[in-house]
Protein backbone atom coordinates (compact mmCIF):
# COMPACT_ATOMS: atom_id res chain seq x y z
CA MET A 1 2.55 10.25 10.17
CA GLU A 2 5.83 12.88 10.52
CA ASP A 3 6.76 15.12 8.05
CA ARG A 4 9.86 13.68 6.22
CA PRO A 5 12.06 14.86 3.33
CA ILE A 6 10.78 13.77 0.06
CA ASN A 7 13.26 10.67 -1.16
CA PRO A 8 12.33 8.13 -3.72
CA SER A 9 12.54 5.16 -1.28
CA LEU A 10 9.90 6.80 0.95
CA ASN A 11 7.43 8.17 -1.73
CA SER A 12 7.41 5.51 -4.42
CA PRO A 13 7.05 1.86 -4.96
CA VAL A 14 10.41 1.43 -6.63
CA THR A 15 12.71 -1.16 -5.58
CA HIS A 16 16.29 -0.95 -5.77
CA SER A 17 17.68 -4.80 -5.64
CA SER A 18 21.60 -5.61 -5.25
CA PRO A 19 23.56 -6.10 -8.09
CA GLU A 20 23.54 -9.35 -7.94
CA ASP A 21 19.64 -9.88 -8.00
CA ARG A 22 17.52 -9.13 -10.96
CA SER A 23 14.94 -6.23 -11.05
CA PRO A 24 11.41 -7.16 -9.70
CA VAL A 25 8.86 -8.39 -12.25
CA LEU A 26 5.13 -8.32 -11.87
CA GLU A 27 3.41 -11.74 -12.18
CA ILE A 28 -0.28 -11.78 -12.93
CA ILE A 29 -2.64 -15.08 -12.94
CA GLY A 30 -4.97 -14.20 -15.55
CA GLY A 31 -8.99 -15.10 -16.21
CA HIS A 32 -10.18 -13.69 -12.81
CA ARG A 33 -12.93 -11.45 -12.49
CA LEU A 34 -12.73 -7.99 -10.99
CA SER A 35 -14.93 -6.35 -8.47
CA GLY A 36 -15.21 -3.27 -6.16
CA GLU A 37 -14.33 0.31 -6.01
CA VAL A 38 -11.09 1.98 -7.31
CA ARG A 39 -9.85 5.02 -5.22
CA ILE A 40 -8.25 7.11 -7.81
CA SER A 41 -5.28 8.90 -7.00
CA GLY A 42 -4.16 12.63 -8.11
CA ALA A 43 -2.98 13.15 -11.60
CA LYS A 44 0.71 12.41 -12.01
CA ASN A 45 0.94 14.97 -14.89
CA SER A 46 -0.72 17.35 -13.01
CA ALA A 47 1.28 17.17 -9.92
CA LEU A 48 4.63 17.41 -11.51
CA VAL A 49 4.19 20.77 -13.29
CA LEU A 50 2.16 21.82 -9.91
CA MET A 51 5.55 21.28 -7.88
CA ALA A 52 7.52 23.33 -10.95
CA GLY A 53 4.87 26.18 -10.48
CA SER A 54 5.59 26.06 -6.58
CA LEU A 55 9.11 27.59 -7.26
CA LEU A 56 7.02 31.06 -8.70
CA CYS A 57 6.11 31.65 -5.05
CA SER A 58 8.58 32.86 -2.68
CA GLN A 59 6.57 31.76 0.62
CA ASP A 60 4.96 28.17 1.58
CA CYS A 61 2.79 26.04 -0.80
CA ARG A 62 1.07 22.87 0.20
CA ILE A 63 -0.23 20.99 -2.65
CA ARG A 64 -2.70 17.87 -1.57
CA ASN A 65 -3.63 14.83 -3.11
CA VAL A 66 -0.09 14.12 -4.55
CA PRO A 67 0.38 10.72 -5.88
CA SER A 68 3.13 8.43 -4.60
CA LEU A 69 5.29 7.89 -7.74
CA ALA A 70 8.80 7.70 -8.72
CA ASP A 71 8.46 10.84 -10.83
CA VAL A 72 7.39 12.92 -7.94
CA ALA A 73 9.96 11.47 -6.28
CA ARG A 74 12.43 12.64 -8.81
CA MET A 75 10.92 16.05 -9.26
CA GLY A 76 11.34 16.60 -5.51
CA GLU A 77 14.66 15.70 -5.71
CA VAL A 78 15.14 18.63 -8.66
CA LEU A 79 13.46 20.93 -6.37
CA SER A 80 15.59 20.11 -3.39
CA ALA A 81 18.69 20.68 -5.68
CA LEU A 82 17.76 24.36 -6.29
CA GLY A 83 17.88 24.89 -2.83
CA VAL A 84 13.89 24.44 -2.21
CA LYS A 85 12.69 22.81 1.28
CA ILE A 86 10.25 19.87 0.68
CA THR A 87 8.60 17.34 3.03
CA ARG A 88 5.93 14.93 2.44
CA LYS A 89 3.14 14.65 4.92
CA ASP A 90 0.55 11.58 3.91
CA ASP A 91 -0.75 12.79 0.63
CA ALA A 92 0.52 16.46 0.78
CA LEU A 93 3.66 18.28 -0.23
CA GLU A 94 4.96 21.11 1.58
CA ILE A 95 7.18 23.32 -0.46
CA ASP A 96 9.30 26.18 0.80
CA ALA A 97 10.87 28.01 -2.24
CA ARG A 98 11.54 31.32 -0.32
CA HIS A 99 15.29 30.44 -0.41
CA LEU A 100 15.53 29.41 -4.21
CA SER A 101 19.20 29.96 -4.94
CA GLN A 102 20.43 27.69 -7.68
CA SER A 103 19.73 28.38 -11.21
CA LYS A 104 21.03 25.21 -12.46
CA ALA A 105 19.49 21.75 -12.23
CA PRO A 106 21.30 18.63 -12.08
CA TYR A 107 21.80 16.88 -15.53
CA GLU A 108 21.69 13.14 -13.38
CA LEU A 109 17.89 14.14 -12.38
CA VAL A 110 16.67 16.10 -15.13
CA SER A 111 18.01 13.79 -17.61
CA GLN A 112 15.59 11.08 -16.11
CA LEU A 113 12.39 13.01 -16.14
CA ARG A 114 11.26 15.22 -19.00
CA ALA A 115 9.02 17.18 -16.71
CA SER A 116 11.76 18.76 -14.72
CA PHE A 117 12.14 20.90 -17.77
CA PHE A 118 9.34 22.94 -17.19
CA ILE A 119 11.12 24.77 -14.05
CA ILE A 120 12.88 26.71 -16.70
CA GLY A 121 9.76 29.03 -16.71
CA PRO A 122 9.45 29.65 -12.93
CA LEU A 123 13.21 30.06 -12.70
CA LEU A 124 13.55 32.49 -15.25
CA ALA A 125 10.56 34.38 -13.67
CA ARG A 126 12.12 34.28 -10.30
CA LEU A 127 15.81 34.76 -10.58
CA GLY A 128 16.16 36.00 -13.88
CA ILE A 129 18.72 33.02 -15.04
CA ALA A 130 18.06 29.32 -15.68
CA ARG A 131 20.25 26.60 -16.87
CA ILE A 132 18.53 23.51 -17.69
CA PRO A 133 19.85 20.53 -19.35
CA LEU A 134 17.51 19.00 -22.24
CA PRO A 135 15.13 16.47 -20.43
CA GLY A 136 14.47 12.66 -20.50
CA GLY A 137 11.87 10.30 -19.91
CA CYS A 138 10.21 8.05 -21.96
CA ALA A 139 11.76 7.07 -25.36
CA ILE A 140 8.31 7.44 -27.11
CA GLY A 141 9.14 10.02 -29.96
CA ALA A 142 10.84 13.26 -30.13
CA ARG A 143 9.49 15.79 -27.73
CA PRO A 144 11.43 18.95 -28.88
CA VAL A 145 11.64 22.12 -26.41
CA ASP A 146 11.71 24.52 -29.54
CA LEU A 147 8.54 25.93 -28.74
CA HIS A 148 9.25 26.65 -24.91
CA VAL A 149 12.26 28.34 -26.09
CA ARG A 150 10.73 30.33 -29.19
CA GLY A 151 8.16 31.72 -26.68
CA LEU A 152 10.78 32.57 -24.04
CA GLN A 153 12.41 34.56 -26.06
CA ALA A 154 9.30 36.42 -27.46
CA MET A 155 9.27 37.22 -23.84
CA GLY A 156 12.74 38.99 -23.86
CA ALA A 157 14.83 35.99 -22.55
CA ASP A 158 18.19 35.41 -24.12
CA VAL A 159 18.16 31.54 -24.79
CA GLN A 160 21.10 29.43 -25.99
CA ILE A 161 21.40 25.68 -26.46
CA GLU A 162 25.04 24.48 -25.71
CA HIS A 163 26.38 20.92 -25.10
CA GLY A 164 23.06 19.61 -24.29
CA THR A 165 22.07 22.55 -21.88
CA VAL A 166 19.38 25.23 -22.41
CA HIS A 167 21.10 28.68 -20.75
CA ALA A 168 18.41 31.20 -20.75
CA CYS A 169 18.69 34.76 -19.06
CA ILE A 170 16.99 38.29 -18.95
CA PRO A 171 19.00 40.80 -20.22
CA GLY A 172 18.69 44.33 -18.56
CA VAL A 173 18.42 45.86 -15.11
CA ASN A 174 15.17 44.77 -13.62
CA ARG A 175 15.54 40.84 -15.19
CA ARG A 176 11.89 40.70 -15.65
CA LEU A 177 10.25 38.95 -18.66
CA LYS A 178 8.10 41.06 -20.72
CA GLY A 179 4.51 40.48 -21.96
CA ALA A 180 4.18 39.13 -25.61
CA ARG A 181 1.91 37.44 -28.02
CA ILE A 182 2.92 34.10 -28.60
CA TYR A 183 1.44 31.63 -31.33
CA LEU A 184 2.37 28.03 -30.76
CA ASP A 185 2.67 25.72 -34.03
CA TYR A 186 1.47 22.81 -32.16
CA PRO A 187 -0.50 22.86 -28.84
CA SER A 188 2.02 21.60 -26.82
CA VAL A 189 1.07 20.95 -23.14
CA GLY A 190 4.83 21.23 -21.99
CA ALA A 191 4.96 24.49 -24.05
CA THR A 192 1.64 26.11 -22.78
CA GLU A 193 2.41 25.09 -19.30
CA THR A 194 6.08 26.58 -19.22
CA LEU A 195 5.05 29.70 -20.81
CA MET A 196 2.10 30.30 -18.54
CA MET A 197 4.36 29.95 -15.79
CA ALA A 198 6.91 32.43 -16.75
CA ALA A 199 4.40 34.91 -17.70
CA THR A 200 2.52 35.17 -14.29
CA LEU A 201 5.22 37.20 -12.96
CA ALA A 202 6.24 39.22 -16.31
CA ASP A 203 5.72 42.90 -16.66
CA GLY A 204 2.49 43.29 -18.86
CA GLU A 205 0.11 41.05 -20.80
CA THR A 206 1.01 37.59 -22.58
CA ILE A 207 -1.22 36.01 -24.95
CA LEU A 208 -0.88 32.32 -25.82
CA GLU A 209 -2.58 31.33 -28.98
CA ASN A 210 -2.97 27.93 -30.09
CA ALA A 211 -2.45 26.77 -26.51
CA ALA A 212 -3.09 23.12 -25.13
CA GLN A 213 -6.40 22.70 -23.64
CA GLU A 214 -5.94 19.61 -21.51
CA PRO A 215 -7.27 19.45 -17.84
CA GLU A 216 -3.49 19.64 -16.63
CA VAL A 217 -3.42 22.79 -18.26
CA VAL A 218 -6.70 24.19 -16.52
CA ASP A 219 -5.33 22.67 -13.16
CA LEU A 220 -1.97 24.68 -13.31
CA ALA A 221 -4.11 27.98 -14.06
CA ASN A 222 -6.38 27.53 -10.98
CA PHE A 223 -3.18 26.73 -8.92
CA CYS A 224 -1.44 29.91 -10.15
CA ARG A 225 -4.64 31.89 -9.78
CA ALA A 226 -4.84 30.43 -6.13
CA MET A 227 -1.41 32.25 -5.33
CA GLY A 228 -2.57 35.39 -6.89
CA ALA A 229 -1.90 35.16 -10.67
CA ARG A 230 -4.00 36.70 -13.34
CA ILE A 231 -4.98 34.00 -15.50
CA ARG A 232 -8.03 33.66 -18.03
CA GLY A 233 -8.87 31.49 -20.77
CA ALA A 234 -7.70 27.97 -19.60
CA GLY A 235 -8.98 25.36 -21.32
CA THR A 236 -9.36 27.11 -24.32
CA ASN A 237 -7.01 27.65 -27.24
CA THR A 238 -6.25 31.18 -25.94
CA ILE A 239 -4.95 31.98 -22.54
CA VAL A 240 -4.34 35.41 -21.33
CA ILE A 241 -2.07 35.97 -18.54
CA SER A 242 -1.27 39.35 -17.01
CA GLY A 243 1.69 39.58 -14.99
CA VAL A 244 1.88 40.39 -11.37
CA PRO A 245 4.73 41.35 -9.26
CA SER A 246 4.80 38.21 -6.71
CA LEU A 247 2.48 35.54 -5.45
CA HIS A 248 1.41 34.52 -2.33
CA SER A 249 1.00 31.06 -0.29
CA VAL A 250 -1.42 28.39 -1.17
CA ASP A 251 -3.22 25.11 -0.28
CA TYR A 252 -4.35 23.14 -3.44
CA ALA A 253 -5.76 19.80 -4.33
CA VAL A 254 -4.32 17.93 -7.34
CA ILE A 255 -7.05 16.97 -9.66
CA PRO A 256 -7.92 13.34 -10.08
CA ASP A 257 -5.94 11.10 -12.63
CA ARG A 258 -7.81 10.84 -15.75
CA VAL A 259 -5.60 8.63 -17.04
CA GLU A 260 -5.62 6.19 -13.87
CA VAL A 261 -9.42 6.33 -14.64
CA GLY A 262 -9.03 5.34 -18.16
CA THR A 263 -6.81 2.34 -17.14
CA PHE A 264 -9.07 1.26 -14.75
CA LEU A 265 -12.24 1.46 -17.09
CA VAL A 266 -10.23 -0.74 -19.76
CA ALA A 267 -9.70 -3.06 -16.74
CA GLY A 268 -13.04 -3.54 -16.11
CA ALA A 269 -14.03 -3.92 -19.66
CA ILE A 270 -11.19 -6.05 -20.82
CA THR A 271 -11.97 -8.51 -17.66
CA GLN A 272 -15.86 -8.44 -18.26
CA SER A 273 -15.88 -6.94 -14.68
CA GLU A 274 -18.01 -4.42 -13.04
CA LEU A 275 -16.02 -1.57 -11.32
CA SER A 276 -16.89 1.75 -9.55
CA LEU A 277 -14.13 4.54 -9.57
CA ALA A 278 -13.99 7.58 -7.84
CA PRO A 279 -13.20 10.46 -7.56
CA VAL A 280 -13.15 11.51 -10.94
CA VAL A 281 -14.20 14.23 -13.60
CA PRO A 282 -16.20 12.61 -16.13
CA ASP A 283 -15.96 15.79 -18.55
CA HIS A 284 -12.26 15.00 -18.73
CA LEU A 285 -12.98 11.57 -20.18
CA THR A 286 -15.46 12.31 -23.00
CA ALA A 287 -13.19 10.76 -25.68
CA VAL A 288 -12.19 7.59 -23.70
CA ILE A 289 -15.99 6.85 -22.71
CA ALA A 290 -17.28 7.47 -26.00
CA LYS A 291 -14.93 4.77 -27.13
CA LEU A 292 -15.50 2.26 -24.46
CA ARG A 293 -19.06 2.47 -25.32
CA ALA A 294 -18.62 1.90 -29.06
CA ILE A 295 -16.58 -1.20 -27.97
CA GLY A 296 -19.92 -2.43 -26.04
CA SER A 297 -19.19 -1.24 -22.75
CA GLU A 298 -21.74 0.91 -20.58
CA VAL A 299 -20.37 3.74 -18.51
CA VAL A 300 -22.51 5.10 -15.95
CA GLN A 301 -22.15 8.17 -14.28
CA GLU A 302 -23.46 7.44 -10.48
CA THR A 303 -22.43 10.63 -9.13
CA PRO A 304 -20.78 13.92 -10.23
CA SER A 305 -17.42 12.17 -8.97
CA ARG A 306 -18.18 8.60 -9.37
CA LEU A 307 -18.41 6.29 -12.53
CA ARG A 308 -19.22 2.63 -12.77
CA ILE A 309 -18.20 0.54 -16.04
CA VAL A 310 -20.77 -2.55 -16.82
CA PRO A 311 -19.31 -4.86 -19.54
CA GLY A 312 -21.52 -5.79 -22.37
CA THR A 313 -21.83 -9.47 -23.32
CA SER A 314 -19.87 -8.93 -26.39
CA ARG A 315 -16.89 -6.60 -27.45
CA LEU A 316 -16.69 -4.69 -30.98
CA GLY A 317 -13.88 -3.23 -32.89
CA THR A 318 -13.40 0.17 -33.39
CA ASP A 319 -11.22 3.06 -35.06
CA ILE A 320 -9.09 5.37 -32.72
CA GLU A 321 -7.02 8.35 -33.76
CA THR A 322 -5.11 10.07 -30.86
CA LEU A 323 -5.27 13.92 -30.79
CA PRO A 324 -4.44 16.86 -28.50
CA TYR A 325 -7.54 17.36 -25.84
CA PRO A 326 -10.11 17.14 -26.09
CA GLY A 327 -9.48 14.47 -28.54
CA PHE A 328 -8.61 10.81 -27.77
CA PRO A 329 -5.75 10.95 -25.10
CA THR A 330 -2.21 9.14 -26.59
CA ASP A 331 -1.74 8.15 -22.88
CA MET A 332 -4.94 5.96 -23.07
CA GLN A 333 -3.81 4.26 -27.08
CA ALA A 334 -1.76 1.27 -25.39
CA GLN A 335 -4.49 0.20 -23.10
CA PHE A 336 -7.46 0.59 -25.38
CA MET A 337 -5.10 -1.47 -27.93
CA ALA A 338 -5.04 -4.30 -25.39
CA LEU A 339 -8.52 -4.17 -25.09
CA LEU A 340 -9.15 -4.45 -28.97
CA THR A 341 -7.16 -7.53 -29.12
CA LEU A 342 -9.94 -9.32 -27.66
CA SER A 343 -12.68 -6.93 -29.60
CA GLU A 344 -14.70 -8.81 -32.49
CA GLY A 345 -13.61 -7.68 -36.05
CA ASP A 346 -10.70 -5.47 -36.85
CA SER A 347 -9.79 -2.05 -35.41
CA ILE A 348 -7.33 0.68 -36.51
CA ILE A 349 -5.28 2.69 -34.39
CA THR A 350 -3.78 5.73 -35.68
CA GLU A 351 -0.99 7.36 -33.46
CA THR A 352 -0.83 11.08 -34.19
CA VAL A 353 1.07 12.29 -31.55
CA PHE A 354 4.25 10.52 -30.76
CA GLU A 355 5.92 8.84 -33.45
CA ASN A 356 7.62 5.71 -31.33
CA ARG A 357 4.49 4.88 -29.12
CA MET A 358 3.92 1.26 -30.70
CA GLY A 359 6.56 -0.54 -28.27
CA HIS A 360 3.79 -2.62 -26.64
CA VAL A 361 2.84 -4.26 -29.94
CA ALA A 362 5.19 -6.89 -30.24
CA GLU A 363 4.64 -7.69 -26.42
CA LEU A 364 0.91 -7.99 -27.32
CA ASN A 365 1.69 -10.15 -30.13
CA ARG A 366 3.59 -12.72 -27.97
CA MET A 367 0.85 -12.92 -25.72
CA GLY A 368 -1.13 -14.34 -29.13
CA ALA A 369 -2.68 -10.77 -30.35
CA ASP A 370 -2.71 -10.28 -33.93
CA ILE A 371 -1.42 -6.49 -34.57
CA ARG A 372 0.30 -5.37 -37.76
CA THR A 373 1.73 -1.81 -37.83
CA LYS A 374 2.65 0.51 -40.86
CA GLY A 375 4.14 3.83 -39.86
CA ASN A 376 1.77 5.35 -37.22
CA HIS A 377 -1.07 2.86 -37.68
CA ALA A 378 -1.71 -0.58 -36.02
CA VAL A 379 -4.34 -2.72 -37.37
CA ILE A 380 -5.72 -5.11 -34.95
CA ARG A 381 -7.76 -8.30 -35.82
CA GLY A 382 -9.66 -9.58 -32.40
CA VAL A 383 -8.53 -13.12 -31.15
CA PRO A 384 -10.81 -15.47 -28.95
CA PHE A 385 -8.51 -15.17 -26.06
CA LEU A 386 -4.67 -14.08 -25.25
CA THR A 387 -2.16 -16.47 -23.35
CA GLY A 388 0.30 -15.47 -20.40
CA ALA A 389 4.03 -15.12 -21.65
CA PRO A 390 7.05 -13.18 -20.43
CA VAL A 391 6.96 -9.61 -21.70
CA VAL A 392 8.75 -6.29 -21.63
CA ALA A 393 7.59 -2.91 -20.63
CA THR A 394 8.71 -0.55 -22.98
CA ASP A 395 7.41 2.82 -21.71
CA LEU A 396 4.89 3.79 -18.98
CA ARG A 397 1.81 3.16 -21.01
CA ALA A 398 2.84 0.18 -22.44
CA SER A 399 3.00 -1.05 -18.86
CA ALA A 400 -0.23 -0.71 -18.27
CA ALA A 401 -1.37 -2.07 -21.46
CA LEU A 402 0.61 -5.42 -20.40
CA VAL A 403 -0.89 -5.47 -16.94
CA LEU A 404 -4.23 -5.05 -18.68
CA ALA A 405 -3.50 -7.75 -21.08
CA GLY A 406 -2.22 -10.12 -18.36
CA LEU A 407 -5.39 -9.67 -16.17
CA ALA A 408 -7.59 -11.17 -19.00
CA ALA A 409 -5.17 -13.63 -20.55
CA ARG A 410 -5.22 -17.02 -19.82
CA GLY A 411 -2.11 -18.41 -17.65
CA THR A 412 0.68 -16.50 -16.06
CA THR A 413 2.03 -13.34 -17.49
CA ILE A 414 5.29 -12.07 -16.20
CA ILE A 415 6.25 -8.30 -16.90
CA GLN A 416 9.63 -7.10 -16.70
CA GLY A 417 10.51 -3.33 -16.85
CA LEU A 418 8.51 -2.05 -13.87
CA HIS A 419 10.39 1.11 -13.45
CA HIS A 420 8.20 2.48 -16.08
CA LEU A 421 4.95 1.34 -14.42
CA ASP A 422 6.09 2.94 -10.81
CA ARG A 423 6.83 6.38 -12.82
CA GLY A 424 3.24 6.98 -13.42
CA TYR A 425 0.88 4.73 -11.14
CA ASP A 426 0.37 4.66 -7.56
CA ASP A 427 0.24 1.33 -6.04
CA LEU A 428 -1.38 -0.12 -9.30
CA GLU A 429 -0.84 -3.73 -8.15
CA GLY A 430 -2.16 -2.89 -4.61
CA LYS A 431 -5.18 -1.54 -5.94
CA LEU A 432 -5.78 -4.63 -8.41
CA LYS A 433 -5.38 -6.99 -5.74
CA LEU A 434 -8.31 -5.17 -3.75
CA LEU A 435 -10.19 -6.19 -6.54
CA GLY A 436 -9.76 -9.64 -6.68
CA ALA A 437 -6.75 -9.57 -9.43
CA GLN A 438 -4.28 -12.45 -8.76
CA ILE A 439 -0.91 -10.19 -9.13
CA ARG A 440 2.20 -9.87 -7.13
CA ARG A 441 5.49 -8.38 -7.66
CA VAL A 442 8.48 -10.70 -7.02
CA LYS A 443 12.18 -11.15 -7.68
CA GLY A 444 13.44 -11.30 -11.03
CA ASP A 445 14.72 -14.88 -10.47
CA ALA A 446 11.17 -16.05 -8.95
CA GLY A 447 9.39 -14.84 -11.90
CA ALA A 448 12.01 -16.76 -14.21
CA GLU A 449 10.98 -19.88 -12.62
CA SER A 450 7.37 -19.10 -13.33
CA VAL A 451 8.03 -18.21 -16.84
CA SER A 452 9.66 -21.62 -17.03
CA SER A 453 6.77 -23.51 -15.94
CA LEU A 454 4.12 -21.89 -18.13
CA PRO A 455 1.65 -24.24 -19.99
CA VAL A 456 1.94 -23.89 -23.82
CA MET A 457 -1.51 -22.81 -25.02
CA PRO A 458 -2.78 -23.65 -28.44
CA ARG A 459 -3.74 -20.71 -30.59
CA SER A 460 -7.26 -21.23 -31.98
């Protein structure tokens, strides 16, 4: 395959309909068992921050195992707007930031992708100045950047927020950040990653306390170390970064996507299907595997990088509380809620990370689920079956939950809002088809016709 500039139409499954056409929808005929092996893609949340981290290097970077996603394409556009040369070859990105020239990221790009805000740290470290609009992304709750800002200020940056844009610069002659001791009020993944990247080229030692411990933070630290950064403690709550003058070229592979692994494990459990998944890092999935076992599925580690899910004869309700890593991940809350709708007894899910991450509840209830919410709590009473229905995805992980529910439901489910799904899953429907799922992407008009012919299923 020839090198090509990164572009949404070439690197993501997003389709752009003409104005007179409706957006595409996903049509799922449920009730089919799945079987086979799933090839897991690189981690979305890791790939995006590694792309931002490539700005730290004034030489060539090569990042492999990069998933084909709308968010990756958007991040590529952000880097290109800064003067970075970026091309894609198969699953690898070739990034040349030696001619990094722009300190201002375009609002129309940053407003669509929260992860693009992470470039503020590398831009400050390389250029001494950065102007980044406040970020966008899924509307799942307030995700303020105050931890990023306070941390950069502690390292000597002058940071102001005016008219929706963060203006940051390093005063003085040498335009270099200073090492500092920074305590994060909350173990924010984004703030940890932003400050860790900024500190790699700072003058002196930076200590991040109450740092996020997620695998993606460790992956970023390993990526920076491969470029010559001096970082220790990643994966613990205290990370120490000793600044170096510059970083060098790197060839690095993104870790497997633990959320994709978890989503397919739930797919096996909800359809009562035995599936094999690789490559995986089982240690990244401890909380997810524990809850699957509590519900009644067996998760077997066949090799160091392969898992198999063997569903049990029954599914039991369980309680879940989302927490920062190594706790149960908020990015798996919606998928497990879909599974618990078909589990015996009552379950309670408590969402502690994002306050607006229950948009899928109403849509699951449209399919026959029995879920009641109060504040950040959802009480799920298991039902015998779900029924296909027209539903709308409200965010990325909600879209995955509706796909899972559709796979298990009786009849046909039509899912709208696929732009959310395409942000974070690399060809999810293609992978499900290989497992035997009856799933296809169709024009909105075709989906509407299918909805009109859905049978009315009695509620038992």
